[in-house]
Amino acid sequence: MNLARAAAATLTAVLLAGLAAGCGVPTEETAREIEHTGTATPAAPTPAAEASGPVTEKLYLLRDGHLVAVQRRVPTQPDAQQLLAHLLAGPTPAEQDTDLSSALAGTTAINSATDAAGSATVELSTALEGTGRSDDVLAFGQLVCTLSSRPDINQVVFTRQGARVGVPRGNGSLTEDPLTCADYINLITS
């Protein structure tokens, strides 16, 4: 019986060697690094990882075409520019798992956000000016509701090169007037 086992083991080893040789992959004595020869698609920027801290910030993201308030814990109270950066980073992976998204994903049309005397000013480039389309309305709703969620910001205005520009309210009408989250109340869901 030992002779039968030895013959089976030898046959198995010969078959495995034949299969390895037949697959076209040469064997090597030592490991080596494999060189990448293809062109990789760069990964999309990912939102900041969920942070924890003593301060709660409120961002407005989207689900099923509606604005949804999301609370995040952060180390310090963000100013308008930091809050804008957090919003533009989009939903975290955990938020994405709950079907949250953003109409602002990938936008480069927002230059800055500043706050003073109870008002936030968002400086736009020409690319994000309001057309009244539903995705524009949602994008501006996200910006206004997020910035005005701070207790010290009562209204938000939009400018381009320092001059006010018309942006859509929740009903699609354009205005250059200061906006509040109430202007988008018809788009907010819990």
Protein backbone atom coordinates (compact mmCIF):
# COMPACT_ATOMS: atom_id res chain seq x y z
CA MET A 1 0.00 0.00 0.00
CA ASN A 2 2.87 2.36 0.64
CA LEU A 3 4.01 1.78 -2.93
CA ALA A 4 0.55 2.80 -4.21
CA ARG A 5 0.60 6.01 -2.15
CA ALA A 6 4.09 6.89 -3.37
CA ALA A 7 3.05 6.31 -6.99
CA ALA A 8 -0.08 8.50 -6.52
CA ALA A 9 1.98 11.29 -4.93
CA THR A 10 4.52 11.15 -7.77
CA LEU A 11 1.75 11.23 -10.37
CA THR A 12 0.09 14.21 -8.62
CA ALA A 13 3.41 16.11 -8.54
CA VAL A 14 4.03 15.43 -12.23
CA LEU A 15 0.50 16.57 -13.14
CA LEU A 16 0.82 19.79 -11.09
CA ALA A 17 4.19 20.56 -12.65
CA GLY A 18 2.73 19.98 -16.09
CA LEU A 19 -0.20 22.26 -15.35
CA ALA A 20 2.09 25.00 -14.05
CA ALA A 21 4.33 24.74 -17.09
CA GLY A 22 1.34 24.66 -19.42
CA CYS A 23 -0.23 27.85 -18.08
CA GLY A 24 2.60 30.00 -19.38
CA VAL A 25 3.64 31.44 -16.02
CA PRO A 26 7.34 30.85 -15.48
CA THR A 27 8.51 29.90 -12.04
CA GLU A 28 11.10 32.01 -10.22
CA GLU A 29 13.45 31.30 -7.37
CA THR A 30 12.75 34.59 -5.48
CA ALA A 31 9.87 37.01 -5.15
CA ARG A 32 9.94 40.21 -7.19
CA GLU A 33 7.84 43.35 -7.46
CA ILE A 34 5.40 43.34 -10.35
CA GLU A 35 5.58 46.41 -12.54
CA HIS A 36 2.31 48.15 -13.42
CA THR A 37 2.11 48.71 -17.17
CA GLY A 38 -1.50 49.89 -17.56
CA THR A 39 -3.03 53.29 -16.99
CA ALA A 40 -5.01 53.55 -13.81
CA THR A 41 -8.04 55.74 -13.45
CA PRO A 42 -7.47 58.08 -10.52
CA ALA A 43 -9.75 57.44 -7.60
CA ALA A 44 -12.48 59.99 -6.97
CA PRO A 45 -11.84 62.16 -3.94
CA THR A 46 -13.50 60.71 -0.90
CA PRO A 47 -15.26 62.72 1.73
CA ALA A 48 -13.51 63.29 5.00
CA ALA A 49 -13.78 60.42 7.42
CA GLU A 50 -16.37 60.79 10.11
CA ALA A 51 -14.91 62.81 12.92
CA SER A 52 -15.96 63.10 16.50
CA GLY A 53 -15.84 66.08 18.75
CA PRO A 54 -17.76 68.25 21.17
CA VAL A 55 -19.39 70.46 18.49
CA THR A 56 -22.26 69.49 16.20
CA GLU A 57 -22.37 70.89 12.68
CA LYS A 58 -25.40 70.55 10.44
CA LEU A 59 -25.00 69.91 6.72
CA TYR A 60 -27.76 69.51 4.16
CA LEU A 61 -27.32 66.59 1.78
CA LEU A 62 -29.75 64.97 -0.68
CA ARG A 63 -31.90 61.87 -0.70
CA ASP A 64 -34.49 61.18 -3.38
CA GLY A 65 -34.46 64.77 -4.63
CA HIS A 66 -34.97 66.34 -1.21
CA LEU A 67 -32.75 68.17 1.28
CA VAL A 68 -31.91 66.15 4.40
CA ALA A 69 -30.27 67.63 7.51
CA VAL A 70 -27.28 65.59 8.68
CA GLN A 71 -25.48 66.21 11.94
CA ARG A 72 -21.78 65.56 12.33
CA ARG A 73 -19.54 65.88 15.36
CA VAL A 74 -16.47 68.07 14.83
CA PRO A 75 -13.61 69.23 17.08
CA THR A 76 -14.39 72.98 16.81
CA GLN A 77 -17.13 75.25 15.50
CA PRO A 78 -16.39 75.65 11.76
CA ASP A 79 -16.46 79.09 10.19
CA ALA A 80 -18.36 79.60 6.92
CA GLN A 81 -15.39 78.57 4.74
CA GLN A 82 -14.78 75.38 6.75
CA LEU A 83 -18.48 74.52 6.73
CA LEU A 84 -18.51 75.02 2.97
CA ALA A 85 -15.48 72.72 2.63
CA HIS A 86 -17.21 70.02 4.67
CA LEU A 87 -20.31 70.33 2.47
CA LEU A 88 -18.33 70.22 -0.77
CA ALA A 89 -16.53 67.07 0.42
CA GLY A 90 -19.87 65.34 0.11
CA PRO A 91 -21.36 62.54 2.16
CA THR A 92 -19.14 60.23 4.18
CA PRO A 93 -19.12 56.52 3.25
CA ALA A 94 -21.57 55.84 6.10
CA GLU A 95 -23.88 58.58 4.81
CA GLN A 96 -23.60 57.21 1.26
CA ASP A 97 -24.70 53.84 2.65
CA THR A 98 -27.96 55.55 3.67
CA ASP A 99 -28.45 56.83 0.08
CA LEU A 100 -27.32 60.40 0.80
CA SER A 101 -25.69 62.33 -2.04
CA SER A 102 -24.93 65.91 -3.06
CA ALA A 103 -25.82 68.18 -5.98
CA LEU A 104 -22.46 69.90 -5.35
CA ALA A 105 -20.27 66.87 -6.04
CA GLY A 106 -17.21 67.84 -8.04
CA THR A 107 -18.13 71.51 -8.38
CA THR A 108 -15.37 74.05 -8.70
CA ALA A 109 -17.77 76.93 -9.14
CA ILE A 110 -17.61 78.17 -5.55
CA ASN A 111 -14.67 80.37 -4.73
CA SER A 112 -15.27 81.15 -1.06
CA ALA A 113 -17.71 81.70 1.78
CA THR A 114 -17.34 84.39 4.41
CA ASP A 115 -19.53 85.44 7.29
CA ALA A 116 -19.95 88.78 9.03
CA ALA A 117 -22.73 90.57 10.88
CA GLY A 118 -25.19 87.65 10.66
CA SER A 119 -24.80 87.12 6.93
CA ALA A 120 -22.78 84.68 4.83
CA THR A 121 -21.54 85.64 1.38
CA VAL A 122 -20.75 82.92 -1.14
CA GLU A 123 -18.53 84.04 -4.02
CA LEU A 124 -19.34 82.11 -7.21
CA SER A 125 -17.58 81.70 -10.51
CA THR A 126 -19.75 81.93 -13.62
CA ALA A 127 -20.34 78.17 -13.81
CA LEU A 128 -22.86 77.78 -10.95
CA GLU A 129 -25.15 80.72 -11.54
CA GLY A 130 -28.79 79.80 -11.16
CA THR A 131 -30.83 78.63 -14.10
CA GLY A 132 -33.80 77.43 -12.07
CA ARG A 133 -33.18 73.76 -12.98
CA SER A 134 -34.03 71.33 -10.17
CA ASP A 135 -30.40 70.29 -9.59
CA ASP A 136 -29.40 73.97 -9.34
CA VAL A 137 -32.22 74.58 -6.88
CA LEU A 138 -31.03 71.65 -4.76
CA ALA A 139 -27.40 72.81 -4.91
CA PHE A 140 -28.31 76.31 -3.74
CA GLY A 141 -30.64 74.82 -1.12
CA GLN A 142 -27.75 72.77 0.24
CA LEU A 143 -25.54 75.85 0.43
CA VAL A 144 -28.12 78.16 2.02
CA CYS A 145 -29.49 75.67 4.53
CA THR A 146 -26.04 74.45 5.57
CA LEU A 147 -24.58 77.93 6.06
CA SER A 148 -27.67 79.30 7.80
CA SER A 149 -27.71 76.31 10.16
CA ARG A 150 -25.03 78.16 12.15
CA PRO A 151 -26.69 80.20 14.89
CA ASP A 152 -24.73 83.33 13.93
CA ILE A 153 -25.71 83.25 10.22
CA ASN A 154 -29.23 84.50 9.50
CA GLN A 155 -29.04 84.86 5.73
CA VAL A 156 -26.92 83.97 2.70
CA VAL A 157 -26.15 86.07 -0.37
CA PHE A 158 -24.39 85.01 -3.56
CA THR A 159 -21.93 87.18 -5.47
CA ARG A 160 -19.70 86.99 -8.51
CA GLN A 161 -16.76 89.38 -8.60
CA GLY A 162 -18.30 91.12 -5.60
CA ALA A 163 -21.70 91.86 -7.25
CA ARG A 164 -24.86 90.03 -6.21
CA VAL A 165 -26.16 87.39 -8.62
CA GLY A 166 -29.59 85.84 -8.97
CA VAL A 167 -29.95 82.29 -7.68
CA PRO A 168 -33.01 80.03 -7.50
CA ARG A 169 -35.25 79.72 -4.46
CA GLY A 170 -36.94 76.44 -3.65
CA ASN A 171 -39.78 77.27 -6.04
CA GLY A 172 -37.32 77.92 -8.90
CA SER A 173 -37.78 81.71 -9.01
CA LEU A 174 -34.53 83.70 -9.22
CA THR A 175 -33.57 86.32 -6.66
CA GLU A 176 -30.60 88.47 -5.70
CA ASP A 177 -32.07 88.99 -2.22
CA PRO A 178 -30.59 87.36 0.89
CA LEU A 179 -31.84 83.80 1.34
CA THR A 180 -32.65 81.64 4.36
CA CYS A 181 -33.43 77.97 4.73
CA ALA A 182 -37.12 78.94 4.76
CA ASP A 183 -36.73 79.74 1.03
CA TYR A 184 -36.17 75.98 0.47
CA ILE A 185 -38.65 74.58 3.03
CA ASN A 186 -40.62 72.81 0.27
CA LEU A 187 -37.51 70.72 -0.51
CA ILE A 188 -36.66 69.63 3.04
CA THR A 189 -37.54 66.18 4.32
CA SER A 190 -36.68 64.50 7.58
